[in-house]
Each structure stands twice: as C-alpha cells, then as structure tokens.
Amino acid sequence: MNIAELHQNEKEVSAINLFKGEVGSTTAIQLLENGLLKEHITKTPALLLCVIGEVEYEDETSQKIVLKSGDYVSITPNVKHWLKATRKSQLILLK
C-alpha cells in the first residue's frame, strides 16, 4: 500500500492511525497545499518525517524549519507547535 492512498478525502488536514504498538504509535498525516495543522502540543517526545511535499514546522520557541521529502524534526514535549503545507504533503508522526 502507498501512503498517499491512505487518505481518501480531500480535507485540508487528515490524520490516520497507521500503527499502534505496545509502547508507541505511528500516524500518517496529509496536509493539502496551504493546509494548516493548528497549534497543539504533544505530551511525549515525537519525530515528524516528511515523506512527500513541503511543510513549515514552527513552535513557540521561535524555531522554524522547512521540511521537504526525507527531512525530519524532533518535537519536544509540551511545546506548542503547528504546521503549514506549502504544497500537498504526506508526513509520518512517530510517538
């Protein structure tokens, strides 16, 4: 199966639980061009991997990172962060 085929609809933001293990989980995220994943926090450390596309990751510490295919960022717990897609993107979130 292809990651792009997981998201059946054309919602601005789509998240699908891809895998849940005994300790962690993996979520497939799709953002359409100019899609915004609003400000939120994670309670556990996380890793966000851009598989396809391009997104801007920003957080409340003024960190701003452009993620392109193959790029990733570690997300610190309890830090507000958000994403904006500059083009249609597929991401994997590991917690």
C-alpha atoms as a PDB file:
ATOM      1  CA  MET A   1       0.000   0.000   0.000  1.00  0.00           C
ATOM      2  CA  ASN A   2       1.133   3.564  -0.724  1.00  0.00           C
ATOM      3  CA  ILE A   3       0.994   6.273   1.957  1.00  0.00           C
ATOM      4  CA  ALA A   4      -0.781   8.689  -0.391  1.00  0.00           C
ATOM      5  CA  GLU A   5      -3.608   6.161  -0.810  1.00  0.00           C
ATOM      6  CA  LEU A   6      -4.433   6.155   2.927  1.00  0.00           C
ATOM      7  CA  HIS A   7      -6.235   9.489   2.771  1.00  0.00           C
ATOM      8  CA  GLN A   8      -9.416   9.018   0.767  1.00  0.00           C
ATOM      9  CA  ASN A   9     -10.826  12.524   1.043  1.00  0.00           C
ATOM     10  CA  GLU A  10      -9.511  15.953   0.193  1.00  0.00           C
ATOM     11  CA  LYS A  11      -9.744  17.501   3.648  1.00  0.00           C
ATOM     12  CA  GLU A  12      -7.263  20.273   4.446  1.00  0.00           C
ATOM     13  CA  VAL A  13      -5.798  18.079   7.206  1.00  0.00           C
ATOM     14  CA  SER A  14      -6.188  14.316   7.501  1.00  0.00           C
ATOM     15  CA  ALA A  15      -4.629  12.037  10.140  1.00  0.00           C
ATOM     16  CA  ILE A  16      -4.901   8.257  10.165  1.00  0.00           C
ATOM     17  CA  ASN A  17      -3.531   5.887  12.799  1.00  0.00           C
ATOM     18  CA  LEU A  18      -1.064   3.786  10.821  1.00  0.00           C
ATOM     19  CA  PHE A  19       0.342   1.590  13.606  1.00  0.00           C
ATOM     20  CA  LYS A  20      -0.108   1.231  17.353  1.00  0.00           C
ATOM     21  CA  GLY A  21       2.496  -0.760  19.276  1.00  0.00           C
ATOM     22  CA  GLU A  22       2.755  -1.658  22.942  1.00  0.00           C
ATOM     23  CA  VAL A  23       4.773   1.470  23.623  1.00  0.00           C
ATOM     24  CA  GLY A  24       4.252   3.946  20.789  1.00  0.00           C
ATOM     25  CA  SER A  25       2.191   4.841  17.757  1.00  0.00           C
ATOM     26  CA  THR A  26       2.629   5.972  14.162  1.00  0.00           C
ATOM     27  CA  THR A  27       0.263   8.388  12.436  1.00  0.00           C
ATOM     28  CA  ALA A  28       0.067   9.202   8.726  1.00  0.00           C
ATOM     29  CA  ILE A  29      -0.755  12.885   8.164  1.00  0.00           C
ATOM     30  CA  GLN A  30      -1.790  14.572   4.927  1.00  0.00           C
ATOM     31  CA  LEU A  31      -1.854  18.347   4.510  1.00  0.00           C
ATOM     32  CA  LEU A  32      -3.191  19.881   1.329  1.00  0.00           C
ATOM     33  CA  GLU A  33      -1.423  22.898  -0.181  1.00  0.00           C
ATOM     34  CA  ASN A  34      -1.772  25.812   2.278  1.00  0.00           C
ATOM     35  CA  GLY A  35      -3.276  23.381   4.805  1.00  0.00           C
ATOM     36  CA  LEU A  36      -2.705  24.339   8.430  1.00  0.00           C
ATOM     37  CA  LEU A  37      -2.388  21.925  11.327  1.00  0.00           C
ATOM     38  CA  LYS A  38      -3.314  24.265  14.149  1.00  0.00           C
ATOM     39  CA  GLU A  39      -1.275  24.953  17.270  1.00  0.00           C
ATOM     40  CA  HIS A  40      -1.084  21.954  19.622  1.00  0.00           C
ATOM     41  CA  ILE A  41       1.284  20.130  21.992  1.00  0.00           C
ATOM     42  CA  THR A  42       2.435  16.556  22.490  1.00  0.00           C
ATOM     43  CA  LYS A  43       2.913  15.111  25.966  1.00  0.00           C
ATOM     44  CA  THR A  44       5.617  12.701  24.765  1.00  0.00           C
ATOM     45  CA  PRO A  45       8.685  13.121  22.541  1.00  0.00           C
ATOM     46  CA  ALA A  46       7.838  12.752  18.850  1.00  0.00           C
ATOM     47  CA  LEU A  47       9.519  12.631  15.464  1.00  0.00           C
ATOM     48  CA  LEU A  48       7.886  14.117  12.367  1.00  0.00           C
ATOM     49  CA  LEU A  49       9.093  12.843   8.984  1.00  0.00           C
ATOM     50  CA  CYS A  50       8.152  14.479   5.682  1.00  0.00           C
ATOM     51  CA  VAL A  51       7.702  11.726   3.101  1.00  0.00           C
ATOM     52  CA  ILE A  52       6.328  13.761   0.193  1.00  0.00           C
ATOM     53  CA  GLY A  53       5.859  17.515  -0.247  1.00  0.00           C
ATOM     54  CA  GLU A  54       6.958  20.509   1.786  1.00  0.00           C
ATOM     55  CA  VAL A  55       5.779  21.873   5.144  1.00  0.00           C
ATOM     56  CA  GLU A  56       6.850  24.617   7.516  1.00  0.00           C
ATOM     57  CA  TYR A  57       7.192  23.499  11.143  1.00  0.00           C
ATOM     58  CA  GLU A  58       7.075  26.284  13.733  1.00  0.00           C
ATOM     59  CA  ASP A  59       6.968  26.282  17.506  1.00  0.00           C
ATOM     60  CA  GLU A  60       6.585  28.703  20.395  1.00  0.00           C
ATOM     61  CA  THR A  61      10.383  28.856  20.897  1.00  0.00           C
ATOM     62  CA  SER A  62      10.607  30.654  17.506  1.00  0.00           C
ATOM     63  CA  GLN A  63      12.017  27.565  15.825  1.00  0.00           C
ATOM     64  CA  LYS A  64      11.042  27.480  12.144  1.00  0.00           C
ATOM     65  CA  ILE A  65      12.080  24.582   9.925  1.00  0.00           C
ATOM     66  CA  VAL A  66      11.144  23.835   6.328  1.00  0.00           C
ATOM     67  CA  LEU A  67      10.703  20.087   5.864  1.00  0.00           C
ATOM     68  CA  LYS A  68      10.996  18.616   2.373  1.00  0.00           C
ATOM     69  CA  SER A  69      10.839  14.977   1.300  1.00  0.00           C
ATOM     70  CA  GLY A  70      13.169  12.983   3.566  1.00  0.00           C
ATOM     71  CA  ASP A  71      13.570  15.704   6.215  1.00  0.00           C
ATOM     72  CA  TYR A  72      12.513  15.238   9.827  1.00  0.00           C
ATOM     73  CA  VAL A  73      12.280  17.170  13.079  1.00  0.00           C
ATOM     74  CA  SER A  74      12.229  16.048  16.707  1.00  0.00           C
ATOM     75  CA  ILE A  75       9.309  17.543  18.613  1.00  0.00           C
ATOM     76  CA  THR A  76       9.841  18.439  22.263  1.00  0.00           C
ATOM     77  CA  PRO A  77       7.039  17.557  24.686  1.00  0.00           C
ATOM     78  CA  ASN A  78       4.825  20.382  25.999  1.00  0.00           C
ATOM     79  CA  VAL A  79       5.994  22.909  23.386  1.00  0.00           C
ATOM     80  CA  LYS A  80       3.232  24.444  21.245  1.00  0.00           C
ATOM     81  CA  HIS A  81       3.851  23.820  17.568  1.00  0.00           C
ATOM     82  CA  TRP A  82       1.999  23.959  14.240  1.00  0.00           C
ATOM     83  CA  LEU A  83       2.470  23.059  10.572  1.00  0.00           C
ATOM     84  CA  LYS A  84       1.657  24.742   7.282  1.00  0.00           C
ATOM     85  CA  ALA A  85       1.977  22.947   3.944  1.00  0.00           C
ATOM     86  CA  THR A  86       3.465  24.935   1.075  1.00  0.00           C
ATOM     87  CA  ARG A  87       2.313  22.096  -1.203  1.00  0.00           C
ATOM     88  CA  LYS A  88       0.370  18.867  -0.750  1.00  0.00           C
ATOM     89  CA  SER A  89       2.334  16.780   1.730  1.00  0.00           C
ATOM     90  CA  GLN A  90       2.448  13.341   3.339  1.00  0.00           C
ATOM     91  CA  LEU A  91       4.037  13.037   6.775  1.00  0.00           C
ATOM     92  CA  ILE A  92       4.668  10.314   9.350  1.00  0.00           C
ATOM     93  CA  LEU A  93       4.466  11.113  13.070  1.00  0.00           C
ATOM     94  CA  LEU A  94       6.210   8.694  15.443  1.00  0.00           C
ATOM     95  CA  LYS A  95       5.473   8.847  19.163  1.00  0.00           C
END
